[in-house]
Amino acid sequence: MSRVDVSQLSEHVGEQVTLRGWVHSVRDQKRVQFVILRDRTGMAQVVLEKPEQPTQLNAAVSALSTESAVTLTGEAVADERVRLGGVEVRLQSIEVESPAQPELPVAEDSSLEKRMDWRYLDLRRPDRRLIFEVQTAVEHAMREHWRRESFIEIHTPKLMGSASESGAELFKVEYFDTTAYLAQSPQFYKQMAMAAGFEAVFEIAPVFRANPSFTSRHDTEFTSVDVEIAWIDSHEDVMAFEERWLAAVFEAVARDYGEQIRETFGAEVVVPTLPFPRLSMEEAKEMLRAGGHEPPGPGEDLDPPSERALAEIVQRERGHEFVFVTDYPVQVRPFYHMRYAERPELTKSFDLLWRGIEITTGAQREHRHEQLLAQAREKGVETGPIDYYLDFFRNGAPPHGGFGFGLTRLLMRMLAQENVREVTFLYRGPNRLSP
């Protein structure tokens, strides 16, 4: 029994074919029965005539429940009246591999929480599948670009002996006779790769944040995309890499999925032009005030309403969906960000905003050991637990910088979804540890 995908039916007209998939719907009429079967490649119409004395096969079709897993065999027949590809299958046999309950516990219009409870059923919807097809294309395009530029993929540990970012957002786990922490970021280890001479690295991996936030853009476990590059002159080199990398990713997605995304989600994948607009934090706040929006005060980061307002202004005035905001004050950046020699209150750092949400945080790192140690002490960072990290800079560390990139935030905006939960295979948040 050789299975034929629904998308291949037109190649098998006049032949007996076997389809395998799920029952999408059943129309049991007086003289004819229709089954719409769905597989990973599309939907097909399967038809069976119904005589005055119904057969066992008619009874089997009548007993079908939607979402049952079935194997159907029949003849593929061309019929231009059939909306699903102009081909239908005249049913000859049916095998129910696994029946579904007559009443499913979740529907397309169920609440988000209910759909998360029954995520495997929610993911059977073709539009949900498309989300993860696009995710696959995004990651593939990212890797293709990294390979072209000779990056090395690394896999950093997710169990750590100390914090990599803020101790306030750490998950503690028992680790034999001591305590370990789930990694908030691969930051320290990708910098170790710079000290190891790898020069350009990336990682796509889970990170963990004990952040009790219930917003549409936060989660406690998410996929982070991380990049680090050596021998840079400033954070401008990092931004220049990121914008051409993103342009390549968007070009690939627009080519392969642009039409499907437009038809399914009503969203347009716009390949960005280079370079992206750049605004210092001071310039961004001035632009916001001029546009009638009052941003947070001096020394403070942009809040979400300010990010949305700034993106709208940049789109309107500069015709671009992306904007780099640079030169963040030291108060809102980690100790390992490099500072300007002439303006030590500012860091050589940036965020990238797209369609009103931050998708990247990046910077040039401080690679000079004594300066790094001084900045850690100034920030009140206990250096004992991170001695291993400080050691990376004792023996010839190159100038370097990089960024962390939020994959789910990108997908949420690209596919016009309202919540990162929609674009996460299985979401984890403060109140969700299952399924």
Protein backbone atom coordinates (compact mmCIF):
# COMPACT_ATOMS: atom_id res chain seq x y z
CA MET A 1 0.00 0.00 0.00
CA SER A 2 1.76 3.12 -1.27
CA ARG A 3 0.43 6.35 0.11
CA VAL A 4 -0.28 9.30 -2.20
CA ASP A 5 -0.21 12.83 -0.81
CA VAL A 6 -3.26 14.96 -1.52
CA SER A 7 -1.09 17.43 -3.41
CA GLN A 8 -0.10 14.63 -5.85
CA LEU A 9 -3.62 13.50 -6.76
CA SER A 10 -3.65 15.22 -10.15
CA GLU A 11 -0.67 13.07 -11.14
CA HIS A 12 -2.66 9.87 -10.54
CA VAL A 13 -5.94 10.46 -12.39
CA GLY A 14 -7.40 7.13 -13.52
CA GLU A 15 -5.40 5.18 -10.94
CA GLN A 16 -6.26 3.56 -7.66
CA VAL A 17 -4.79 5.67 -4.85
CA THR A 18 -4.47 5.39 -1.09
CA LEU A 19 -4.84 8.53 1.03
CA ARG A 20 -3.97 8.75 4.72
CA GLY A 21 -4.94 11.59 6.99
CA TRP A 22 -7.70 13.05 9.13
CA VAL A 23 -11.42 13.41 8.50
CA HIS A 24 -11.96 17.13 8.09
CA SER A 25 -15.71 16.91 7.48
CA VAL A 26 -18.46 14.52 6.39
CA ARG A 27 -21.57 15.33 4.32
CA ASP A 28 -23.97 12.41 4.50
CA GLN A 29 -26.65 13.13 1.90
CA LYS A 30 -29.55 11.02 0.66
CA ARG A 31 -27.91 9.73 -2.54
CA VAL A 32 -24.25 10.47 -2.04
CA GLN A 33 -21.68 10.83 0.75
CA PHE A 34 -18.72 13.19 0.79
CA VAL A 35 -15.68 12.96 3.02
CA ILE A 36 -13.13 15.76 3.05
CA LEU A 37 -9.79 14.26 4.00
CA ARG A 38 -6.89 16.40 5.19
CA ASP A 39 -3.23 15.55 5.19
CA ARG A 40 -0.10 17.65 5.55
CA THR A 41 -0.28 18.76 1.91
CA GLY A 42 -3.92 19.80 1.60
CA MET A 43 -7.50 18.55 1.40
CA ALA A 44 -9.20 16.13 -0.97
CA GLN A 45 -12.82 15.30 -1.71
CA VAL A 46 -13.74 11.63 -1.40
CA VAL A 47 -17.14 10.56 -2.73
CA LEU A 48 -19.32 7.46 -2.36
CA GLU A 49 -22.70 6.84 -3.96
CA LYS A 50 -25.46 5.80 -1.57
CA PRO A 51 -27.99 3.28 -2.96
CA GLU A 52 -31.47 2.73 -1.55
CA GLN A 53 -30.05 -0.14 0.45
CA PRO A 54 -26.86 1.35 1.98
CA THR A 55 -23.80 -0.89 1.97
CA GLN A 56 -21.41 -1.59 4.81
CA LEU A 57 -19.08 0.99 3.28
CA ASN A 58 -21.89 3.57 3.41
CA ALA A 59 -22.45 2.69 7.06
CA ALA A 60 -18.74 3.10 7.78
CA VAL A 61 -18.77 6.60 6.24
CA SER A 62 -21.92 7.52 8.19
CA ALA A 63 -20.17 6.48 11.41
CA LEU A 64 -17.09 8.63 10.79
CA SER A 65 -16.34 11.36 13.32
CA THR A 66 -14.33 14.42 12.35
CA GLU A 67 -10.61 14.29 13.15
CA SER A 68 -10.53 10.49 13.06
CA ALA A 69 -7.30 9.15 11.55
CA VAL A 70 -8.17 7.12 8.46
CA THR A 71 -6.78 5.32 5.42
CA LEU A 72 -8.95 5.64 2.29
CA THR A 73 -8.54 3.84 -1.04
CA GLY A 74 -10.29 4.64 -4.30
CA GLU A 75 -9.98 5.79 -7.89
CA ALA A 76 -8.73 9.33 -8.62
CA VAL A 77 -11.12 10.96 -11.10
CA ALA A 78 -10.79 14.37 -12.77
CA ASP A 79 -13.84 16.63 -12.33
CA GLU A 80 -13.50 20.35 -12.96
CA ARG A 81 -16.48 21.00 -10.68
CA VAL A 82 -14.48 19.84 -7.65
CA ARG A 83 -13.12 22.92 -5.91
CA LEU A 84 -10.34 21.00 -4.21
CA GLY A 85 -7.93 20.70 -7.11
CA GLY A 86 -10.35 19.47 -9.77
CA VAL A 87 -9.86 15.84 -8.70
CA GLU A 88 -11.92 13.63 -6.43
CA VAL A 89 -11.50 10.08 -5.16
CA ARG A 90 -14.27 7.51 -5.70
CA LEU A 91 -14.17 5.58 -2.45
CA GLN A 92 -13.56 1.80 -2.54
CA SER A 93 -12.45 1.03 1.01
CA ILE A 94 -11.91 2.74 4.34
CA GLU A 95 -9.95 1.82 7.44
CA VAL A 96 -10.34 3.82 10.62
CA GLU A 97 -6.89 3.78 12.18
CA SER A 98 -7.97 5.68 15.27
CA PRO A 99 -11.44 7.16 15.82
CA ALA A 100 -11.93 10.59 17.34
CA GLN A 101 -14.56 11.31 19.96
CA PRO A 102 -17.91 12.39 18.48
CA GLU A 103 -17.65 15.71 20.34
CA LEU A 104 -14.19 17.27 20.26
CA PRO A 105 -13.08 19.13 23.42
CA VAL A 106 -11.91 22.20 21.49
CA ALA A 107 -12.97 24.23 18.45
CA GLU A 108 -11.43 26.93 16.29
CA ASP A 109 -13.37 29.61 18.18
CA SER A 110 -12.43 28.29 21.64
CA SER A 111 -10.56 30.61 23.99
CA LEU A 112 -6.79 30.79 23.73
CA GLU A 113 -6.38 29.05 27.08
CA LYS A 114 -8.68 26.20 26.05
CA ARG A 115 -6.81 25.80 22.78
CA MET A 116 -3.52 25.67 24.71
CA ASP A 117 -4.99 22.90 26.90
CA TRP A 118 -5.68 20.87 23.73
CA ARG A 119 -2.73 22.12 21.73
CA TYR A 120 -2.26 18.98 19.62
CA LEU A 121 -5.80 19.36 18.27
CA ASP A 122 -5.35 23.11 17.78
CA LEU A 123 -2.20 22.46 15.75
CA ARG A 124 -4.08 20.29 13.26
CA ARG A 125 -5.58 23.43 11.75
CA PRO A 126 -3.90 24.22 8.43
CA ASP A 127 -3.23 27.84 9.45
CA ARG A 128 -1.46 26.65 12.62
CA ARG A 129 0.64 24.23 10.57
CA LEU A 130 1.62 27.09 8.27
CA ILE A 131 3.06 28.97 11.26
CA PHE A 132 5.57 26.20 11.85
CA GLU A 133 6.33 25.75 8.17
CA VAL A 134 7.27 29.43 8.13
CA GLN A 135 9.30 29.00 11.32
CA THR A 136 11.23 26.20 9.61
CA ALA A 137 11.86 28.40 6.57
CA VAL A 138 13.02 31.29 8.79
CA GLU A 139 15.54 29.16 10.67
CA HIS A 140 16.77 27.53 7.46
CA ALA A 141 17.35 30.94 5.85
CA MET A 142 19.17 32.13 8.97
CA ARG A 143 21.48 29.13 8.86
CA GLU A 144 22.10 29.51 5.14
CA HIS A 145 23.29 33.08 5.68
CA TRP A 146 25.47 32.12 8.64
CA ARG A 147 27.04 29.35 6.59
CA ARG A 148 27.77 31.75 3.74
CA GLU A 149 29.64 33.97 6.19
CA SER A 150 31.54 31.07 7.83
CA PHE A 151 29.79 31.14 11.23
CA ILE A 152 30.14 28.19 13.62
CA GLU A 153 27.10 26.76 15.41
CA ILE A 154 27.59 26.16 19.13
CA HIS A 155 25.47 24.43 21.76
CA THR A 156 25.90 26.03 25.16
CA PRO A 157 24.90 24.48 28.51
CA LYS A 158 21.47 25.24 29.94
CA LEU A 159 22.47 24.30 33.47
CA MET A 160 24.66 26.98 35.02
CA GLY A 161 26.34 27.51 38.37
CA SER A 162 25.61 31.26 38.44
CA ALA A 163 23.54 33.94 36.75
CA SER A 164 24.36 35.15 33.24
CA GLU A 165 22.09 38.20 33.39
CA SER A 166 19.94 39.21 36.36
CA GLY A 167 19.68 37.07 39.46
CA ALA A 168 16.06 38.15 39.87
CA GLU A 169 14.94 36.09 36.87
CA LEU A 170 16.63 32.78 37.64
CA PHE A 171 15.00 29.37 37.90
CA LYS A 172 16.77 27.28 40.55
CA VAL A 173 17.04 23.51 40.19
CA GLU A 174 18.51 20.84 42.45
CA TYR A 175 21.84 19.64 41.10
CA PHE A 176 23.21 16.74 43.15
CA ASP A 177 24.35 18.34 46.42
CA THR A 178 24.21 21.92 45.18
CA THR A 179 21.97 24.38 43.29
CA ALA A 180 22.08 25.04 39.55
CA TYR A 181 20.25 27.63 37.47
CA LEU A 182 18.51 27.38 34.12
CA ALA A 183 20.33 29.56 31.60
CA GLN A 184 18.76 32.96 30.94
CA SER A 185 21.09 33.48 27.99
CA PRO A 186 24.14 31.90 26.33
CA GLN A 187 25.85 35.30 26.67
CA PHE A 188 28.91 34.28 28.68
CA TYR A 189 29.54 31.14 26.63
CA LYS A 190 29.26 32.77 23.23
CA GLN A 191 31.81 35.32 24.48
CA MET A 192 34.00 32.38 25.52
CA ALA A 193 33.83 31.27 21.87
CA MET A 194 35.29 34.66 20.93
CA ALA A 195 38.17 34.12 23.36
CA ALA A 196 38.56 30.63 21.85
CA GLY A 197 39.16 32.15 18.42
CA PHE A 198 35.94 30.97 16.75
CA GLU A 199 35.40 34.59 15.53
CA ALA A 200 31.72 34.20 14.47
CA VAL A 201 29.17 31.94 16.18
CA PHE A 202 25.45 31.39 16.45
CA GLU A 203 23.01 29.34 18.49
CA ILE A 204 19.26 28.65 18.28
CA ALA A 205 18.24 27.23 21.64
CA PRO A 206 15.88 27.54 24.61
CA VAL A 207 16.47 30.07 27.38
CA PHE A 208 14.59 30.51 30.64
CA ARG A 209 13.39 33.62 32.46
CA ALA A 210 11.57 33.55 35.81
CA ASN A 211 9.57 36.58 34.76
CA PRO A 212 6.03 36.67 36.26
CA SER A 213 4.69 38.53 33.24
CA PHE A 214 1.40 37.76 31.53
CA THR A 215 1.76 39.98 28.46
CA SER A 216 1.25 38.81 24.89
CA ARG A 217 5.00 38.96 24.18
CA HIS A 218 6.50 37.24 27.27
CA ASP A 219 7.08 33.62 28.21
CA THR A 220 9.23 31.80 30.75
CA GLU A 221 10.87 29.47 28.22
CA PHE A 222 11.49 30.63 24.68
CA THR A 223 13.75 30.08 21.71
CA SER A 224 16.56 32.59 21.54
CA VAL A 225 18.65 33.22 18.45
CA ASP A 226 22.13 34.36 19.46
CA VAL A 227 25.03 35.72 17.45
CA GLU A 228 28.52 36.86 18.42
CA ILE A 229 31.19 38.30 16.10
CA ALA A 230 34.89 39.04 16.75
CA TRP A 231 37.23 41.73 15.42
CA ILE A 232 34.60 44.44 15.18
CA ASP A 233 35.30 48.15 15.41
CA SER A 234 31.99 49.06 17.07
CA HIS A 235 28.41 47.95 17.56
CA GLU A 236 27.75 49.42 14.11
CA ASP A 237 29.44 46.33 12.63
CA VAL A 238 27.00 44.11 14.53
CA MET A 239 24.00 46.12 13.32
CA ALA A 240 25.28 46.01 9.75
CA PHE A 241 25.50 42.23 9.93
CA GLU A 242 22.05 41.85 11.47
CA GLU A 243 20.29 43.98 8.87
CA ARG A 244 21.73 42.12 5.88
CA TRP A 245 21.07 38.78 7.62
CA LEU A 246 17.44 39.75 8.24
CA ALA A 247 17.00 41.02 4.68
CA ALA A 248 18.16 37.60 3.41
CA VAL A 249 15.73 35.82 5.76
CA PHE A 250 12.77 37.98 4.71
CA GLU A 251 13.63 37.54 1.04
CA ALA A 252 13.54 33.74 1.42
CA VAL A 253 10.26 33.76 3.37
CA ALA A 254 8.60 36.19 0.93
CA ARG A 255 9.67 34.02 -2.01
CA ASP A 256 8.51 30.69 -0.57
CA TYR A 257 5.58 31.66 1.65
CA GLY A 258 4.64 35.27 0.93
CA GLU A 259 1.45 34.44 -0.96
CA GLN A 260 0.29 31.85 1.59
CA ILE A 261 0.93 34.26 4.46
CA ARG A 262 -1.03 36.97 2.67
CA GLU A 263 -3.98 34.67 1.93
CA THR A 264 -4.05 32.96 5.33
CA PHE A 265 -3.17 35.76 7.75
CA GLY A 266 -3.68 38.92 5.71
CA ALA A 267 -0.07 39.91 6.42
CA GLU A 268 2.51 41.20 3.97
CA VAL A 269 6.13 40.04 4.19
CA VAL A 270 8.05 43.17 3.24
CA VAL A 271 11.73 42.61 2.39
CA PRO A 272 13.50 45.50 4.16
CA THR A 273 15.82 47.88 2.36
CA LEU A 274 19.31 48.56 3.70
CA PRO A 275 20.45 50.25 5.80
CA PHE A 276 17.82 50.28 8.56
CA PRO A 277 17.19 53.67 10.19
CA ARG A 278 19.30 54.34 13.28
CA LEU A 279 18.37 56.64 16.16
CA SER A 280 20.23 57.23 19.38
CA MET A 281 18.10 56.93 22.50
CA GLU A 282 18.21 60.72 22.84
CA GLU A 283 17.08 61.18 19.23
CA ALA A 284 14.33 58.60 19.65
CA LYS A 285 12.91 60.38 22.68
CA GLU A 286 13.08 63.73 20.91
CA MET A 287 11.23 62.25 17.94
CA LEU A 288 8.57 60.83 20.26
CA ARG A 289 8.03 64.17 22.00
CA ALA A 290 7.81 65.93 18.64
CA GLY A 291 5.19 63.37 17.61
CA GLY A 292 3.08 64.05 20.70
CA HIS A 293 4.14 61.04 22.78
CA GLU A 294 5.87 61.52 26.14
CA PRO A 295 8.58 58.84 26.58
CA PRO A 296 10.08 57.66 29.89
CA GLY A 297 12.47 60.09 31.55
CA PRO A 298 16.27 60.47 31.34
CA GLY A 299 18.23 57.29 31.99
CA GLU A 300 15.19 55.07 31.41
CA ASP A 301 14.50 52.51 28.70
CA LEU A 302 11.66 52.86 26.22
CA ASP A 303 8.44 51.29 27.44
CA PRO A 304 6.17 49.25 25.10
CA PRO A 305 3.85 52.20 24.27
CA SER A 306 6.90 54.27 23.31
CA GLU A 307 8.25 51.44 21.14
CA ARG A 308 4.95 51.23 19.29
CA ALA A 309 4.73 55.01 18.88
CA LEU A 310 8.32 55.26 17.65
CA ALA A 311 7.78 52.51 15.07
CA GLU A 312 4.72 54.32 13.74
CA ILE A 313 6.63 57.60 13.43
CA VAL A 314 9.59 55.94 11.67
CA GLN A 315 7.24 54.12 9.29
CA ARG A 316 5.44 57.36 8.49
CA GLU A 317 8.46 59.64 8.20
CA ARG A 318 11.12 57.28 6.86
CA GLY A 319 9.08 54.55 5.20
CA HIS A 320 10.73 51.71 7.08
CA GLU A 321 9.36 48.97 9.34
CA PHE A 322 12.65 48.55 11.24
CA VAL A 323 14.57 50.97 13.43
CA PHE A 324 17.72 50.55 15.51
CA VAL A 325 17.72 52.49 18.77
CA THR A 326 21.30 52.92 19.98
CA ASP A 327 23.41 54.34 22.80
CA TYR A 328 21.47 53.14 25.83
CA PRO A 329 22.41 54.60 29.23
CA VAL A 330 24.50 52.43 31.54
CA GLN A 331 21.62 52.24 34.03
CA VAL A 332 19.59 49.96 31.75
CA ARG A 333 22.39 47.83 30.28
CA PRO A 334 24.48 44.96 31.73
CA PHE A 335 27.98 45.47 33.07
CA TYR A 336 29.60 43.72 30.09
CA HIS A 337 28.46 46.30 27.50
CA MET A 338 31.24 48.57 26.29
CA ARG A 339 30.94 52.26 27.10
CA TYR A 340 31.93 55.29 25.05
CA ALA A 341 35.27 56.69 26.20
CA GLU A 342 34.07 60.25 25.64
CA ARG A 343 30.60 59.63 27.12
CA PRO A 344 30.97 56.86 29.73
CA GLU A 345 27.36 57.23 30.79
CA LEU A 346 26.33 55.65 27.47
CA THR A 347 26.88 52.11 26.15
CA LYS A 348 27.73 50.96 22.64
CA SER A 349 24.47 49.08 22.47
CA PHE A 350 21.25 48.85 20.50
CA ASP A 351 17.76 47.42 20.32
CA LEU A 352 16.05 46.58 17.06
CA LEU A 353 12.34 47.41 16.86
CA TRP A 354 10.09 45.90 14.19
CA ARG A 355 6.43 46.77 13.80
CA GLY A 356 6.36 48.25 17.27
CA ILE A 357 8.09 45.53 19.29
CA GLU A 358 11.66 44.92 20.37
CA ILE A 359 13.04 41.81 18.67
CA THR A 360 16.78 42.25 19.35
CA THR A 361 19.11 43.49 22.03
CA GLY A 362 22.78 43.80 21.12
CA ALA A 363 26.04 45.60 21.82
CA GLN A 364 29.77 45.71 21.55
CA ARG A 365 31.11 43.89 24.60
CA GLU A 366 33.82 45.09 26.93
CA HIS A 367 36.78 42.80 26.19
CA ARG A 368 39.46 44.52 28.34
CA HIS A 369 39.75 42.58 31.58
CA GLU A 370 40.46 45.42 34.01
CA GLN A 371 37.72 47.63 32.53
CA LEU A 372 35.24 44.75 32.63
CA LEU A 373 36.09 44.01 36.26
CA ALA A 374 35.64 47.68 37.18
CA GLN A 375 32.26 47.85 35.45
CA ALA A 376 31.09 44.69 37.21
CA ARG A 377 32.03 46.14 40.61
CA GLU A 378 30.40 49.45 39.75
CA LYS A 379 27.17 47.61 38.91
CA GLY A 380 27.34 45.70 42.20
CA VAL A 381 27.90 42.36 40.49
CA GLU A 382 29.43 39.76 42.77
CA THR A 383 32.49 38.70 40.80
CA GLY A 384 33.31 35.48 42.68
CA PRO A 385 30.61 33.36 41.00
CA ILE A 386 31.63 34.64 37.55
CA ASP A 387 35.41 34.32 37.87
CA TYR A 388 35.30 31.73 35.09
CA TYR A 389 33.72 34.36 32.82
CA LEU A 390 36.22 37.07 33.74
CA ASP A 391 39.02 34.60 32.99
CA PHE A 392 37.97 34.59 29.33
CA PHE A 393 39.49 38.07 29.04
CA ARG A 394 42.88 37.44 30.66
CA ASN A 395 44.64 35.97 27.65
CA GLY A 396 44.03 37.91 24.48
CA ALA A 397 40.29 38.38 23.91
CA PRO A 398 39.46 40.14 20.62
CA PRO A 399 37.07 43.09 20.30
CA HIS A 400 33.64 41.55 19.79
CA GLY A 401 29.90 42.07 19.94
CA GLY A 402 26.66 40.37 19.20
CA PHE A 403 22.95 40.17 19.82
CA GLY A 404 20.09 38.06 21.11
CA PHE A 405 17.06 37.77 18.85
CA GLY A 406 13.50 36.75 19.76
CA LEU A 407 12.26 34.12 17.28
CA THR A 408 8.66 34.00 18.53
CA ARG A 409 8.34 37.79 18.50
CA LEU A 410 9.47 37.82 14.87
CA LEU A 411 6.94 35.13 13.94
CA MET A 412 4.16 36.83 15.89
CA ARG A 413 4.61 40.06 13.94
CA MET A 414 5.36 38.40 10.59
CA LEU A 415 2.15 36.33 10.73
CA ALA A 416 -0.08 38.99 12.33
CA GLN A 417 -0.71 36.95 15.48
CA GLU A 418 -1.79 38.58 18.72
CA ASN A 419 0.21 36.45 21.15
CA VAL A 420 3.51 34.56 21.23
CA ARG A 421 1.51 31.53 22.39
CA GLU A 422 0.12 31.16 18.87
CA VAL A 423 3.61 30.78 17.39
CA THR A 424 5.10 28.62 20.17
CA PHE A 425 4.75 24.87 19.80
CA LEU A 426 4.12 24.44 23.53
CA TYR A 427 3.98 27.62 25.57
CA ARG A 428 5.43 27.98 29.05
CA GLY A 429 4.34 30.83 31.32
CA PRO A 430 3.87 31.55 35.02
CA ASN A 431 0.68 29.46 35.14
CA ARG A 432 1.38 26.87 32.45
CA LEU A 433 3.59 23.80 32.71
CA SER A 434 1.44 21.43 30.63
CA PRO A 435 0.83 19.83 28.27
